[in-house]
């Protein structure tokens, strides 16, 4: 990351991570992101909380892991594994995620194939009931 020791507010952190402020707060409540002590150190009223490059990196990690399909529970485990360097467990989590993605891809491909078949049948004739509508009404 190009930033070095820059500090930002929660709004700046959210912007850098491409999320809303409430998402940052949600991640904090879930224990995925730290909640810094407000400037002045008391933690009581008034001070502005400051976030640094490590917070931006961690938020980016969370977002990328979500894009890969990991749940927040799995992301919490991955973050814990990062500090323990448990590569075997991280690899196992990644392999499990890949298997789930492969299953989902197969489901989507089957759905696409079925819909393409229905669209073709629908285009063959303008008379009678629409095969697409009939297929969805049969459930």
N, C-alpha and C. Protein backbone atom coordinates (compact mmCIF):
# COMPACT_ATOMS: atom_id res chain seq x y z
N UNK A 1 0.84 -1.18 0.00
CA UNK A 1 0.00 0.00 0.00
C UNK A 1 0.88 1.24 0.00
N UNK A 2 0.46 2.26 -0.74
CA UNK A 2 1.28 3.45 -0.89
C UNK A 2 1.26 4.32 0.35
N UNK A 3 0.14 4.32 1.06
CA UNK A 3 0.06 5.15 2.27
C UNK A 3 1.00 4.62 3.33
N UNK A 4 1.67 5.54 4.01
CA UNK A 4 2.55 5.15 5.09
C UNK A 4 2.21 5.94 6.33
N UNK A 5 1.74 5.25 7.34
CA UNK A 5 1.42 5.85 8.63
C UNK A 5 0.43 7.00 8.53
N UNK A 6 -0.45 6.96 7.57
CA UNK A 6 -1.50 7.97 7.50
C UNK A 6 -2.62 7.56 8.43
N UNK A 7 -3.26 8.55 9.01
CA UNK A 7 -4.41 8.30 9.85
C UNK A 7 -5.63 8.92 9.21
N UNK A 8 -6.77 8.28 9.44
CA UNK A 8 -8.01 8.76 8.86
C UNK A 8 -9.15 8.52 9.84
N UNK A 9 -10.27 9.12 9.56
CA UNK A 9 -11.47 8.94 10.37
C UNK A 9 -12.20 7.68 9.91
N UNK A 10 -13.28 7.34 10.59
CA UNK A 10 -14.07 6.18 10.20
C UNK A 10 -14.64 6.37 8.79
N UNK A 11 -15.01 7.60 8.46
CA UNK A 11 -15.53 7.87 7.11
C UNK A 11 -14.44 7.65 6.07
N UNK A 12 -13.22 8.06 6.37
CA UNK A 12 -12.11 7.84 5.46
C UNK A 12 -11.78 6.36 5.30
N UNK A 13 -11.85 5.63 6.41
CA UNK A 13 -11.61 4.18 6.37
C UNK A 13 -12.68 3.52 5.51
N UNK A 14 -13.93 3.89 5.74
CA UNK A 14 -15.03 3.31 4.96
C UNK A 14 -14.85 3.61 3.48
N UNK A 15 -14.51 4.83 3.16
CA UNK A 15 -14.28 5.23 1.76
C UNK A 15 -13.14 4.43 1.15
N UNK A 16 -12.05 4.28 1.87
CA UNK A 16 -10.89 3.53 1.37
C UNK A 16 -11.24 2.06 1.13
N UNK A 17 -12.16 1.54 1.94
CA UNK A 17 -12.55 0.14 1.81
C UNK A 17 -13.74 -0.09 0.90
N UNK A 18 -14.32 1.00 0.39
CA UNK A 18 -15.46 0.88 -0.50
C UNK A 18 -16.73 0.39 0.19
N UNK A 19 -16.87 0.74 1.46
CA UNK A 19 -18.05 0.34 2.24
C UNK A 19 -18.62 1.58 2.93
N UNK A 20 -19.76 1.40 3.57
CA UNK A 20 -20.35 2.48 4.36
C UNK A 20 -19.81 2.48 5.78
N UNK A 21 -20.01 3.57 6.45
CA UNK A 21 -19.57 3.70 7.84
C UNK A 21 -20.24 2.64 8.70
N UNK A 22 -21.52 2.38 8.46
CA UNK A 22 -22.23 1.38 9.26
C UNK A 22 -21.64 -0.01 9.06
N UNK A 23 -21.11 -0.28 7.88
CA UNK A 23 -20.45 -1.57 7.63
C UNK A 23 -19.20 -1.68 8.48
N UNK A 24 -18.43 -0.60 8.55
CA UNK A 24 -17.23 -0.59 9.40
C UNK A 24 -17.64 -0.85 10.85
N UNK A 25 -18.67 -0.18 11.30
CA UNK A 25 -19.13 -0.38 12.69
C UNK A 25 -19.61 -1.82 12.92
N UNK A 26 -20.27 -2.38 11.91
CA UNK A 26 -20.73 -3.77 12.02
C UNK A 26 -19.52 -4.70 12.15
N UNK A 27 -18.51 -4.49 11.33
CA UNK A 27 -17.30 -5.31 11.43
C UNK A 27 -16.63 -5.14 12.79
N UNK A 28 -16.68 -3.96 13.35
CA UNK A 28 -16.13 -3.74 14.68
C UNK A 28 -16.92 -4.53 15.72
N UNK A 29 -18.24 -4.48 15.63
CA UNK A 29 -19.06 -5.24 16.58
C UNK A 29 -18.81 -6.74 16.46
N UNK A 30 -18.51 -7.21 15.26
CA UNK A 30 -18.22 -8.63 15.04
C UNK A 30 -16.79 -9.00 15.43
N UNK A 31 -15.98 -8.00 15.79
CA UNK A 31 -14.60 -8.26 16.20
C UNK A 31 -13.63 -8.42 15.04
N UNK A 32 -14.05 -8.05 13.85
CA UNK A 32 -13.17 -8.16 12.68
C UNK A 32 -12.26 -6.95 12.54
N UNK A 33 -12.72 -5.81 12.99
CA UNK A 33 -11.93 -4.58 12.97
C UNK A 33 -11.86 -4.02 14.38
N UNK A 34 -10.76 -3.38 14.68
CA UNK A 34 -10.60 -2.78 16.01
C UNK A 34 -11.39 -1.48 16.09
N UNK A 35 -11.73 -1.09 17.29
CA UNK A 35 -12.36 0.20 17.55
C UNK A 35 -11.33 1.02 18.32
N UNK A 36 -10.69 1.96 17.64
CA UNK A 36 -9.65 2.73 18.32
C UNK A 36 -10.21 3.66 19.40
N UNK A 37 -9.35 3.97 20.35
CA UNK A 37 -9.70 4.92 21.40
C UNK A 37 -9.69 6.31 20.77
N UNK A 38 -10.69 7.15 21.07
CA UNK A 38 -10.71 8.50 20.50
C UNK A 38 -9.46 9.28 20.88
N UNK A 39 -9.10 10.22 20.02
CA UNK A 39 -7.95 11.09 20.29
C UNK A 39 -8.15 11.73 21.66
N UNK A 40 -7.12 11.77 22.43
CA UNK A 40 -7.21 12.28 23.79
C UNK A 40 -7.13 11.14 24.78
N UNK A 41 -7.39 9.92 24.29
CA UNK A 41 -7.16 8.72 25.08
C UNK A 41 -8.19 8.33 26.10
N UNK A 42 -9.17 9.17 26.41
CA UNK A 42 -10.08 8.82 27.49
C UNK A 42 -11.13 7.81 27.08
N UNK A 43 -11.48 7.79 25.79
CA UNK A 43 -12.52 6.90 25.32
C UNK A 43 -13.91 7.41 25.65
N UNK A 44 -14.01 8.54 26.32
CA UNK A 44 -15.31 9.08 26.71
C UNK A 44 -15.58 10.37 25.94
N UNK A 45 -16.55 10.32 25.05
CA UNK A 45 -17.04 11.50 24.34
C UNK A 45 -16.02 12.32 23.60
N UNK A 46 -16.48 13.06 22.64
CA UNK A 46 -15.75 14.14 22.02
C UNK A 46 -14.61 13.82 21.08
N UNK A 47 -13.73 12.90 21.41
CA UNK A 47 -12.55 12.67 20.58
C UNK A 47 -12.87 11.94 19.29
N UNK A 48 -12.01 12.16 18.31
CA UNK A 48 -12.17 11.52 17.01
C UNK A 48 -11.31 10.26 16.98
N UNK A 49 -11.91 9.17 16.57
CA UNK A 49 -11.18 7.91 16.43
C UNK A 49 -10.36 7.96 15.15
N UNK A 50 -9.13 7.49 15.21
CA UNK A 50 -8.24 7.52 14.06
C UNK A 50 -7.88 6.09 13.65
N UNK A 51 -7.88 5.86 12.36
CA UNK A 51 -7.55 4.57 11.78
C UNK A 51 -6.33 4.74 10.91
N UNK A 52 -5.50 3.69 10.88
CA UNK A 52 -4.26 3.74 10.11
C UNK A 52 -4.25 2.76 8.96
N UNK A 53 -3.07 2.65 8.36
CA UNK A 53 -2.89 1.78 7.20
C UNK A 53 -3.24 0.32 7.50
N UNK A 54 -2.94 -0.14 8.69
CA UNK A 54 -3.25 -1.53 9.04
C UNK A 54 -4.76 -1.76 9.05
N UNK A 55 -5.52 -0.76 9.48
CA UNK A 55 -6.98 -0.88 9.46
C UNK A 55 -7.50 -0.95 8.03
N UNK A 56 -6.93 -0.13 7.16
CA UNK A 56 -7.31 -0.15 5.74
C UNK A 56 -6.97 -1.51 5.14
N UNK A 57 -5.79 -2.03 5.45
CA UNK A 57 -5.37 -3.34 4.94
C UNK A 57 -6.32 -4.43 5.42
N UNK A 58 -6.69 -4.37 6.68
CA UNK A 58 -7.57 -5.39 7.24
C UNK A 58 -8.97 -5.32 6.63
N UNK A 59 -9.48 -4.10 6.45
CA UNK A 59 -10.79 -3.93 5.83
C UNK A 59 -10.75 -4.44 4.39
N UNK A 60 -9.69 -4.16 3.68
CA UNK A 60 -9.54 -4.65 2.32
C UNK A 60 -9.52 -6.19 2.30
N UNK A 61 -8.81 -6.78 3.25
CA UNK A 61 -8.77 -8.24 3.36
C UNK A 61 -10.18 -8.81 3.56
N UNK A 62 -10.93 -8.19 4.46
CA UNK A 62 -12.30 -8.65 4.75
C UNK A 62 -13.14 -8.60 3.49
N UNK A 63 -13.08 -7.49 2.78
CA UNK A 63 -13.87 -7.33 1.56
C UNK A 63 -13.47 -8.34 0.49
N UNK A 64 -12.17 -8.55 0.30
CA UNK A 64 -11.71 -9.52 -0.70
C UNK A 64 -12.12 -10.94 -0.33
N UNK A 65 -12.05 -11.26 0.94
CA UNK A 65 -12.46 -12.59 1.40
C UNK A 65 -13.95 -12.79 1.18
N UNK A 66 -14.74 -11.73 1.38
CA UNK A 66 -16.18 -11.83 1.12
C UNK A 66 -16.45 -12.05 -0.36
N UNK A 67 -15.71 -11.36 -1.21
CA UNK A 67 -15.86 -11.55 -2.66
C UNK A 67 -15.55 -13.01 -3.03
N UNK A 68 -14.59 -13.61 -2.34
CA UNK A 68 -14.24 -15.01 -2.59
C UNK A 68 -15.28 -15.97 -2.02
N UNK A 69 -16.25 -15.42 -1.28
CA UNK A 69 -17.34 -16.24 -0.77
C UNK A 69 -17.21 -16.70 0.66
N UNK A 70 -16.21 -16.24 1.37
CA UNK A 70 -16.05 -16.63 2.77
C UNK A 70 -17.10 -15.94 3.63
N UNK A 71 -17.60 -16.64 4.64
CA UNK A 71 -18.52 -16.05 5.60
C UNK A 71 -17.72 -15.19 6.58
N UNK A 72 -18.42 -14.37 7.34
CA UNK A 72 -17.72 -13.54 8.33
C UNK A 72 -17.05 -14.41 9.40
N UNK A 73 -17.66 -15.54 9.74
CA UNK A 73 -17.04 -16.45 10.70
C UNK A 73 -15.74 -17.02 10.15
N UNK A 74 -15.76 -17.40 8.87
CA UNK A 74 -14.55 -17.92 8.24
C UNK A 74 -13.49 -16.83 8.11
N UNK A 75 -13.91 -15.61 7.84
CA UNK A 75 -12.97 -14.49 7.74
C UNK A 75 -12.31 -14.24 9.09
N UNK A 76 -13.10 -14.32 10.16
CA UNK A 76 -12.53 -14.15 11.51
C UNK A 76 -11.47 -15.22 11.75
N UNK A 77 -11.76 -16.45 11.33
CA UNK A 77 -10.77 -17.52 11.50
C UNK A 77 -9.53 -17.26 10.66
N UNK A 78 -9.72 -16.82 9.42
CA UNK A 78 -8.57 -16.50 8.56
C UNK A 78 -7.71 -15.40 9.17
N UNK A 79 -8.35 -14.39 9.73
CA UNK A 79 -7.59 -13.31 10.37
C UNK A 79 -6.79 -13.83 11.56
N UNK A 80 -7.39 -14.73 12.33
CA UNK A 80 -6.67 -15.33 13.46
C UNK A 80 -5.52 -16.19 12.96
N UNK A 81 -5.75 -16.91 11.86
CA UNK A 81 -4.70 -17.76 11.29
C UNK A 81 -3.53 -16.94 10.76
N UNK A 82 -3.83 -15.73 10.31
CA UNK A 82 -2.77 -14.85 9.78
C UNK A 82 -1.71 -14.59 10.84
N UNK A 83 -2.16 -14.38 12.07
CA UNK A 83 -1.19 -14.10 13.14
C UNK A 83 -0.50 -15.37 13.62
N UNK A 84 -1.13 -16.53 13.45
CA UNK A 84 -0.50 -17.78 13.91
C UNK A 84 0.28 -18.49 12.81
N UNK A 85 0.14 -17.99 11.58
CA UNK A 85 0.84 -18.59 10.43
C UNK A 85 0.47 -20.06 10.22
N UNK A 86 -0.79 -20.40 10.49
CA UNK A 86 -1.27 -21.78 10.29
C UNK A 86 -1.70 -21.95 8.83
N UNK A 87 -0.71 -22.19 7.98
CA UNK A 87 -0.96 -22.28 6.55
C UNK A 87 -1.84 -23.49 6.21
N UNK A 88 -1.67 -24.58 6.93
CA UNK A 88 -2.44 -25.78 6.64
C UNK A 88 -3.94 -25.53 6.83
N UNK A 89 -4.30 -24.85 7.92
CA UNK A 89 -5.72 -24.57 8.16
C UNK A 89 -6.25 -23.56 7.15
N UNK A 90 -5.45 -22.55 6.82
CA UNK A 90 -5.88 -21.56 5.82
C UNK A 90 -6.09 -22.25 4.47
N UNK A 91 -5.20 -23.14 4.12
CA UNK A 91 -5.33 -23.90 2.87
C UNK A 91 -6.60 -24.75 2.89
N UNK A 92 -6.89 -25.40 4.02
CA UNK A 92 -8.09 -26.22 4.14
C UNK A 92 -9.35 -25.38 3.98
N UNK A 93 -9.36 -24.19 4.58
CA UNK A 93 -10.51 -23.30 4.42
C UNK A 93 -10.67 -22.88 2.95
N UNK A 94 -9.56 -22.56 2.30
CA UNK A 94 -9.61 -22.17 0.89
C UNK A 94 -10.10 -23.33 0.03
N UNK A 95 -9.64 -24.53 0.29
CA UNK A 95 -10.07 -25.69 -0.49
C UNK A 95 -11.55 -25.98 -0.29
N UNK A 96 -12.04 -25.81 0.92
CA UNK A 96 -13.47 -25.99 1.19
C UNK A 96 -14.29 -24.93 0.45
N UNK A 97 -13.79 -23.70 0.43
CA UNK A 97 -14.48 -22.63 -0.28
C UNK A 97 -14.49 -22.93 -1.78
N UNK A 98 -13.38 -23.43 -2.33
CA UNK A 98 -13.31 -23.79 -3.75
C UNK A 98 -14.33 -24.87 -4.08
N UNK A 99 -14.46 -25.86 -3.22
CA UNK A 99 -15.44 -26.94 -3.45
C UNK A 99 -16.86 -26.37 -3.47
N UNK A 100 -17.17 -25.45 -2.55
CA UNK A 100 -18.49 -24.83 -2.53
C UNK A 100 -18.73 -23.99 -3.78
N UNK A 101 -17.69 -23.29 -4.23
CA UNK A 101 -17.81 -22.50 -5.46
C UNK A 101 -18.03 -23.41 -6.66
N UNK A 102 -17.31 -24.53 -6.71
CA UNK A 102 -17.49 -25.48 -7.81
C UNK A 102 -18.92 -26.01 -7.84
N UNK A 103 -19.48 -26.31 -6.66
CA UNK A 103 -20.88 -26.77 -6.59
C UNK A 103 -21.82 -25.69 -7.10
N UNK A 104 -21.58 -24.47 -6.70
CA UNK A 104 -22.45 -23.35 -7.13
C UNK A 104 -22.32 -23.12 -8.63
N UNK A 105 -21.12 -23.22 -9.16
CA UNK A 105 -20.91 -23.06 -10.60
C UNK A 105 -21.67 -24.13 -11.36
N UNK A 106 -21.63 -25.37 -10.88
CA UNK A 106 -22.36 -26.47 -11.53
C UNK A 106 -23.86 -26.19 -11.51
N UNK A 107 -24.37 -25.69 -10.38
CA UNK A 107 -25.79 -25.35 -10.28
C UNK A 107 -26.16 -24.25 -11.27
N UNK A 108 -25.33 -23.22 -11.36
CA UNK A 108 -25.59 -22.12 -12.28
C UNK A 108 -25.53 -22.57 -13.73
N UNK A 109 -24.58 -23.45 -14.06
CA UNK A 109 -24.47 -23.95 -15.42
C UNK A 109 -25.70 -24.78 -15.79
N UNK A 110 -26.20 -25.59 -14.86
CA UNK A 110 -27.41 -26.38 -15.11
C UNK A 110 -28.62 -25.46 -15.29
N UNK A 111 -28.71 -24.42 -14.48
CA UNK A 111 -29.81 -23.47 -14.60
C UNK A 111 -29.74 -22.74 -15.94
N UNK A 112 -28.54 -22.37 -16.34
CA UNK A 112 -28.36 -21.69 -17.63
C UNK A 112 -28.78 -22.59 -18.78
N UNK A 113 -28.35 -23.83 -18.73
CA UNK A 113 -28.69 -24.79 -19.78
C UNK A 113 -30.20 -24.98 -19.88
N UNK A 114 -30.87 -25.12 -18.74
CA UNK A 114 -32.32 -25.30 -18.73
C UNK A 114 -33.03 -24.06 -19.27
N UNK A 115 -32.57 -22.89 -18.87
CA UNK A 115 -33.20 -21.65 -19.33
C UNK A 115 -32.96 -21.44 -20.82
N UNK A 116 -31.77 -21.75 -21.30
CA UNK A 116 -31.47 -21.63 -22.73
C UNK A 116 -32.38 -22.54 -23.54
N UNK A 117 -32.62 -23.74 -23.04
CA UNK A 117 -33.51 -24.70 -23.71
C UNK A 117 -34.93 -24.14 -23.76
N UNK A 118 -35.39 -23.57 -22.65
CA UNK A 118 -36.72 -22.97 -22.61
C UNK A 118 -36.83 -21.77 -23.55
N UNK A 119 -35.79 -20.93 -23.59
CA UNK A 119 -35.80 -19.76 -24.46
C UNK A 119 -35.86 -20.19 -25.93
N UNK A 120 -35.15 -21.24 -26.27
CA UNK A 120 -35.17 -21.77 -27.63
C UNK A 120 -36.56 -22.29 -27.97
N UNK A 121 -37.17 -23.03 -27.05
CA UNK A 121 -38.51 -23.57 -27.26
C UNK A 121 -39.52 -22.43 -27.38
N UNK A 122 -39.33 -21.37 -26.63
CA UNK A 122 -40.24 -20.23 -26.65
C UNK A 122 -40.15 -19.51 -28.00
N UNK A 123 -38.97 -19.47 -28.58
CA UNK A 123 -38.77 -18.80 -29.85
C UNK A 123 -39.25 -19.60 -31.04
N UNK A 124 -39.52 -20.89 -30.87
CA UNK A 124 -39.93 -21.74 -31.98
C UNK A 124 -41.36 -21.46 -32.44
N UNK A 125 -42.19 -20.93 -31.56
CA UNK A 125 -43.59 -20.76 -31.92
C UNK A 125 -44.19 -19.61 -31.13
N UNK A 126 -45.10 -18.90 -31.81
CA UNK A 126 -45.83 -17.83 -31.13
C UNK A 126 -47.21 -18.28 -30.68
N UNK A 127 -47.53 -19.54 -30.96
CA UNK A 127 -48.86 -20.03 -30.59
C UNK A 127 -48.77 -20.90 -29.35
N UNK A 128 -49.88 -21.02 -28.65
CA UNK A 128 -49.92 -21.85 -27.45
C UNK A 128 -49.26 -21.18 -26.27
N UNK A 129 -49.25 -21.87 -25.15
CA UNK A 129 -48.64 -21.29 -23.94
C UNK A 129 -47.12 -21.17 -24.08
N UNK A 130 -46.59 -20.19 -23.42
CA UNK A 130 -45.14 -19.96 -23.44
C UNK A 130 -44.44 -21.02 -22.59
N UNK A 131 -43.47 -21.74 -23.15
CA UNK A 131 -42.77 -22.79 -22.40
C UNK A 131 -42.06 -22.26 -21.15
N UNK A 132 -41.60 -21.04 -21.21
CA UNK A 132 -40.90 -20.47 -20.05
C UNK A 132 -41.89 -20.27 -18.90
N UNK A 133 -43.03 -19.66 -19.21
CA UNK A 133 -44.03 -19.42 -18.18
C UNK A 133 -44.59 -20.73 -17.64
N UNK A 134 -44.81 -21.70 -18.53
CA UNK A 134 -45.31 -23.00 -18.08
C UNK A 134 -44.32 -23.68 -17.15
N UNK A 135 -43.05 -23.60 -17.46
CA UNK A 135 -42.02 -24.26 -16.65
C UNK A 135 -42.00 -23.70 -15.23
N UNK A 136 -42.17 -22.38 -15.09
CA UNK A 136 -42.12 -21.78 -13.77
C UNK A 136 -43.43 -21.94 -13.00
N UNK A 137 -44.54 -22.18 -13.72
CA UNK A 137 -45.83 -22.38 -13.06
C UNK A 137 -45.98 -23.79 -12.52
N UNK A 138 -45.17 -24.74 -12.98
CA UNK A 138 -45.32 -26.14 -12.60
C UNK A 138 -44.87 -26.43 -11.19
N UNK A 139 -44.22 -25.53 -10.55
CA UNK A 139 -43.68 -25.77 -9.22
C UNK A 139 -44.73 -25.79 -8.17
